[in-house]
Amino acid sequence: MAITRINQFEAKPGSEAALHAFLGAVIAVVEKCAGCTSCRLLRSIENPACLAIIEDWDSIDSHKQAAHAIPREKLAEAATLFAKPPAGMYYST
């Protein structure tokens, strides 16, 4: 079953550009993963510290497997950029 994953992020003050760059690099990795049909990064017009990634996948399992493609040390670095923990949910049509 095809699914969409919507992830929301909020950068700490002063970390907006760094978080945007990190997420852009993550997308470059994710797009190459098996089962990913599209992935895009959005920035809020109302609050530039708020970002979203919208991912389309062939299955939830494919999305979960792709999470292992991002090096753990990079995820640890990114954690210092978040104002609050990221949130995400799966959606279907």
C-alpha atoms as a PDB file:
ATOM      1  CA  MET A   1       0.000   0.000   0.000  1.00  0.00           C
ATOM      2  CA  ALA A   2       1.422   3.377  -0.995  1.00  0.00           C
ATOM      3  CA  ILE A   3       1.796   5.815   1.896  1.00  0.00           C
ATOM      4  CA  THR A   4       2.791   9.408   2.547  1.00  0.00           C
ATOM      5  CA  ARG A   5       4.901  10.388   5.538  1.00  0.00           C
ATOM      6  CA  ILE A   6       4.727  14.007   6.720  1.00  0.00           C
ATOM      7  CA  ASN A   7       7.483  15.067   9.109  1.00  0.00           C
ATOM      8  CA  GLN A   8       7.578  18.400  10.921  1.00  0.00           C
ATOM      9  CA  PHE A   9      10.652  20.112  12.344  1.00  0.00           C
ATOM     10  CA  GLU A  10      11.315  23.349  14.219  1.00  0.00           C
ATOM     11  CA  ALA A  11      14.788  24.845  14.358  1.00  0.00           C
ATOM     12  CA  LYS A  12      16.268  26.506  17.417  1.00  0.00           C
ATOM     13  CA  PRO A  13      16.685  30.263  16.975  1.00  0.00           C
ATOM     14  CA  GLY A  14      19.759  30.865  14.846  1.00  0.00           C
ATOM     15  CA  SER A  15      19.807  27.270  13.535  1.00  0.00           C
ATOM     16  CA  GLU A  16      17.285  27.683  10.726  1.00  0.00           C
ATOM     17  CA  ALA A  17      19.806  27.619   7.865  1.00  0.00           C
ATOM     18  CA  ALA A  18      21.785  24.740   9.364  1.00  0.00           C
ATOM     19  CA  LEU A  19      18.660  22.615   9.854  1.00  0.00           C
ATOM     20  CA  HIS A  20      17.464  23.384   6.325  1.00  0.00           C
ATOM     21  CA  ALA A  21      20.864  22.312   4.942  1.00  0.00           C
ATOM     22  CA  PHE A  22      20.879  19.128   7.022  1.00  0.00           C
ATOM     23  CA  LEU A  23      17.384  18.146   5.915  1.00  0.00           C
ATOM     24  CA  GLY A  24      18.300  18.843   2.296  1.00  0.00           C
ATOM     25  CA  ALA A  25      21.233  16.440   2.645  1.00  0.00           C
ATOM     26  CA  VAL A  26      18.935  13.837   4.217  1.00  0.00           C
ATOM     27  CA  ILE A  27      16.572  14.098   1.258  1.00  0.00           C
ATOM     28  CA  ALA A  28      19.448  13.408  -1.140  1.00  0.00           C
ATOM     29  CA  VAL A  29      20.029  10.116   0.719  1.00  0.00           C
ATOM     30  CA  VAL A  30      16.361   9.189   1.156  1.00  0.00           C
ATOM     31  CA  GLU A  31      15.484   9.696  -2.510  1.00  0.00           C
ATOM     32  CA  LYS A  32      17.941   6.902  -3.410  1.00  0.00           C
ATOM     33  CA  CYS A  33      16.349   4.396  -1.016  1.00  0.00           C
ATOM     34  CA  ALA A  34      14.274   1.502  -2.306  1.00  0.00           C
ATOM     35  CA  GLY A  35      10.570   2.289  -2.231  1.00  0.00           C
ATOM     36  CA  CYS A  36      10.837   6.096  -2.171  1.00  0.00           C
ATOM     37  CA  THR A  37       8.763   7.631  -4.949  1.00  0.00           C
ATOM     38  CA  SER A  38       9.221  11.282  -3.954  1.00  0.00           C
ATOM     39  CA  CYS A  39      10.591  13.440  -1.165  1.00  0.00           C
ATOM     40  CA  ARG A  40      10.501  17.204  -0.763  1.00  0.00           C
ATOM     41  CA  LEU A  41      11.447  19.799   1.817  1.00  0.00           C
ATOM     42  CA  LEU A  42       9.154  22.718   2.611  1.00  0.00           C
ATOM     43  CA  ARG A  43       9.736  25.850   4.704  1.00  0.00           C
ATOM     44  CA  SER A  44       6.865  27.635   6.439  1.00  0.00           C
ATOM     45  CA  ILE A  45       6.014  31.040   5.044  1.00  0.00           C
ATOM     46  CA  GLU A  46       4.699  32.197   8.433  1.00  0.00           C
ATOM     47  CA  ASN A  47       7.635  30.874  10.480  1.00  0.00           C
ATOM     48  CA  PRO A  48      10.930  30.110   8.672  1.00  0.00           C
ATOM     49  CA  ALA A  49      12.065  28.025  11.662  1.00  0.00           C
ATOM     50  CA  CYS A  50       9.364  25.456  10.802  1.00  0.00           C
ATOM     51  CA  LEU A  51      10.167  22.905   8.113  1.00  0.00           C
ATOM     52  CA  ALA A  52       8.380  19.872   6.755  1.00  0.00           C
ATOM     53  CA  ILE A  53       9.417  16.888   4.690  1.00  0.00           C
ATOM     54  CA  ILE A  54       6.761  15.140   2.636  1.00  0.00           C
ATOM     55  CA  GLU A  55       7.762  11.641   1.580  1.00  0.00           C
ATOM     56  CA  ASP A  56       5.908   9.195  -0.659  1.00  0.00           C
ATOM     57  CA  TRP A  57       6.703   5.495  -0.273  1.00  0.00           C
ATOM     58  CA  ASP A  58       5.536   2.163  -1.586  1.00  0.00           C
ATOM     59  CA  SER A  59       5.101   0.955   2.033  1.00  0.00           C
ATOM     60  CA  ILE A  60       5.699   1.824   5.676  1.00  0.00           C
ATOM     61  CA  ASP A  61       8.341  -0.906   5.807  1.00  0.00           C
ATOM     62  CA  SER A  62      10.316   0.777   3.006  1.00  0.00           C
ATOM     63  CA  HIS A  63      10.234   4.052   4.933  1.00  0.00           C
ATOM     64  CA  LYS A  64      11.412   2.385   8.131  1.00  0.00           C
ATOM     65  CA  GLN A  65      14.279   0.663   6.301  1.00  0.00           C
ATOM     66  CA  ALA A  66      15.372   3.993   4.807  1.00  0.00           C
ATOM     67  CA  ALA A  67      15.839   5.425   8.302  1.00  0.00           C
ATOM     68  CA  HIS A  68      18.940   3.225   8.597  1.00  0.00           C
ATOM     69  CA  ALA A  69      20.520   4.958   5.581  1.00  0.00           C
ATOM     70  CA  ILE A  70      21.168   8.143   7.570  1.00  0.00           C
ATOM     71  CA  PRO A  71      24.357   7.864   9.649  1.00  0.00           C
ATOM     72  CA  ARG A  72      23.642   7.908  13.400  1.00  0.00           C
ATOM     73  CA  GLU A  73      26.331  10.527  14.035  1.00  0.00           C
ATOM     74  CA  LYS A  74      24.593  12.866  11.575  1.00  0.00           C
ATOM     75  CA  LEU A  75      21.289  12.376  13.384  1.00  0.00           C
ATOM     76  CA  ALA A  76      23.004  13.187  16.686  1.00  0.00           C
ATOM     77  CA  GLU A  77      24.405  16.397  15.186  1.00  0.00           C
ATOM     78  CA  ALA A  78      20.975  17.366  13.877  1.00  0.00           C
ATOM     79  CA  ALA A  79      19.409  16.861  17.305  1.00  0.00           C
ATOM     80  CA  THR A  80      21.292  19.947  18.495  1.00  0.00           C
ATOM     81  CA  LEU A  81      19.430  22.042  15.885  1.00  0.00           C
ATOM     82  CA  PHE A  82      15.875  21.180  16.984  1.00  0.00           C
ATOM     83  CA  ALA A  83      13.801  23.519  19.142  1.00  0.00           C
ATOM     84  CA  LYS A  84      11.585  20.523  19.971  1.00  0.00           C
ATOM     85  CA  PRO A  85      11.496  16.870  18.951  1.00  0.00           C
ATOM     86  CA  PRO A  86      10.491  16.264  15.322  1.00  0.00           C
ATOM     87  CA  ALA A  87       7.018  14.850  14.706  1.00  0.00           C
ATOM     88  CA  GLY A  88       5.779  12.655  11.895  1.00  0.00           C
ATOM     89  CA  MET A  89       2.787  10.597  10.842  1.00  0.00           C
ATOM     90  CA  TYR A  90       1.855   8.177   8.079  1.00  0.00           C
ATOM     91  CA  TYR A  91      -1.076   8.924   5.751  1.00  0.00           C
ATOM     92  CA  SER A  92      -2.883   7.024   3.024  1.00  0.00           C
ATOM     93  CA  THR A  93      -5.469   7.992   0.448  1.00  0.00           C
END
